[in-house]
Amino acid sequence: MITISETREINIEDILVLYKANEWSSASKPNELYNGLLNSETLVTAWEEKTCRTWECDF
């Protein structure tokens, strides 16, 4: 089951799993990534059980 969330209560370790799996460069800058996500205008995440599958944000 996929759960969509609009909360800003995210754990950077959970988000890093997604970024590292996709080899996105932001995974090497976790503090900047976390701050960028939290300070974005919109933050929506999709979770399958406890695994983040995707995210969307507007900066």
C-alpha atoms as a PDB file:
ATOM      1  CA  MET A   1       0.000   0.000   0.000  1.00  0.00           C
ATOM      2  CA  ILE A   2       1.288   3.457  -0.935  1.00  0.00           C
ATOM      3  CA  THR A   3       0.748   6.298   1.529  1.00  0.00           C
ATOM      4  CA  ILE A   4       0.958   9.922   0.345  1.00  0.00           C
ATOM      5  CA  SER A   5       2.145  12.424   2.926  1.00  0.00           C
ATOM      6  CA  GLU A   6       2.393  16.207   2.998  1.00  0.00           C
ATOM      7  CA  THR A   7       4.119  16.405   6.370  1.00  0.00           C
ATOM      8  CA  ARG A   8       7.493  18.007   6.896  1.00  0.00           C
ATOM      9  CA  GLU A   9       8.289  15.479   9.590  1.00  0.00           C
ATOM     10  CA  ILE A  10      10.713  13.478   7.489  1.00  0.00           C
ATOM     11  CA  ASN A  11      13.788  11.515   8.495  1.00  0.00           C
ATOM     12  CA  ILE A  12      16.808  12.332   6.335  1.00  0.00           C
ATOM     13  CA  GLU A  13      18.041   8.743   6.583  1.00  0.00           C
ATOM     14  CA  ASP A  14      14.816   7.523   4.949  1.00  0.00           C
ATOM     15  CA  ILE A  15      15.130  10.091   2.169  1.00  0.00           C
ATOM     16  CA  LEU A  16      18.803   9.266   1.594  1.00  0.00           C
ATOM     17  CA  VAL A  17      17.914   5.650   0.797  1.00  0.00           C
ATOM     18  CA  LEU A  18      15.932   6.894  -2.231  1.00  0.00           C
ATOM     19  CA  TYR A  19      18.602   9.379  -3.309  1.00  0.00           C
ATOM     20  CA  LYS A  20      21.420   6.835  -3.029  1.00  0.00           C
ATOM     21  CA  ALA A  21      19.442   4.132  -4.855  1.00  0.00           C
ATOM     22  CA  ASN A  22      19.000   6.530  -7.790  1.00  0.00           C
ATOM     23  CA  GLU A  23      22.592   7.780  -7.555  1.00  0.00           C
ATOM     24  CA  TRP A  24      21.411  11.374  -7.214  1.00  0.00           C
ATOM     25  CA  SER A  25      24.268  13.732  -6.343  1.00  0.00           C
ATOM     26  CA  SER A  26      22.330  15.371  -3.509  1.00  0.00           C
ATOM     27  CA  ALA A  27      22.838  12.167  -1.503  1.00  0.00           C
ATOM     28  CA  SER A  28      26.405  13.324  -0.881  1.00  0.00           C
ATOM     29  CA  LYS A  29      25.132  16.556   0.741  1.00  0.00           C
ATOM     30  CA  PRO A  30      22.556  15.338   3.286  1.00  0.00           C
ATOM     31  CA  ASN A  31      22.384  18.559   5.311  1.00  0.00           C
ATOM     32  CA  GLU A  32      21.781  20.726   2.265  1.00  0.00           C
ATOM     33  CA  LEU A  33      19.271  18.212   0.894  1.00  0.00           C
ATOM     34  CA  TYR A  34      17.325  18.069   4.158  1.00  0.00           C
ATOM     35  CA  ASN A  35      17.250  21.862   4.540  1.00  0.00           C
ATOM     36  CA  GLY A  36      16.208  22.287   0.912  1.00  0.00           C
ATOM     37  CA  LEU A  37      13.334  19.840   1.287  1.00  0.00           C
ATOM     38  CA  LEU A  38      12.117  21.358   4.544  1.00  0.00           C
ATOM     39  CA  ASN A  39      12.289  24.887   3.170  1.00  0.00           C
ATOM     40  CA  SER A  40      10.541  24.108  -0.114  1.00  0.00           C
ATOM     41  CA  GLU A  41       7.108  25.607  -0.665  1.00  0.00           C
ATOM     42  CA  THR A  42       5.508  22.189  -1.191  1.00  0.00           C
ATOM     43  CA  LEU A  43       6.754  18.802  -0.010  1.00  0.00           C
ATOM     44  CA  VAL A  44       4.858  15.629  -0.881  1.00  0.00           C
ATOM     45  CA  THR A  45       6.251  12.135  -0.289  1.00  0.00           C
ATOM     46  CA  ALA A  46       5.008   8.677  -1.238  1.00  0.00           C
ATOM     47  CA  TRP A  47       5.781   5.758   1.073  1.00  0.00           C
ATOM     48  CA  GLU A  48       5.475   2.029   0.625  1.00  0.00           C
ATOM     49  CA  GLU A  49       5.461   0.714   4.173  1.00  0.00           C
ATOM     50  CA  LYS A  50       8.466   2.576   5.638  1.00  0.00           C
ATOM     51  CA  THR A  51      10.318   3.153   2.376  1.00  0.00           C
ATOM     52  CA  CYS A  52      10.194   6.494   0.595  1.00  0.00           C
ATOM     53  CA  ARG A  53       9.381   5.842  -3.070  1.00  0.00           C
ATOM     54  CA  THR A  54       9.227   9.352  -4.443  1.00  0.00           C
ATOM     55  CA  TRP A  55       8.946  12.998  -3.484  1.00  0.00           C
ATOM     56  CA  GLU A  56       7.931  16.248  -5.029  1.00  0.00           C
ATOM     57  CA  CYS A  57       8.701  19.753  -3.950  1.00  0.00           C
ATOM     58  CA  ASP A  58       8.505  23.256  -5.335  1.00  0.00           C
ATOM     59  CA  PHE A  59      11.434  25.499  -4.470  1.00  0.00           C
END
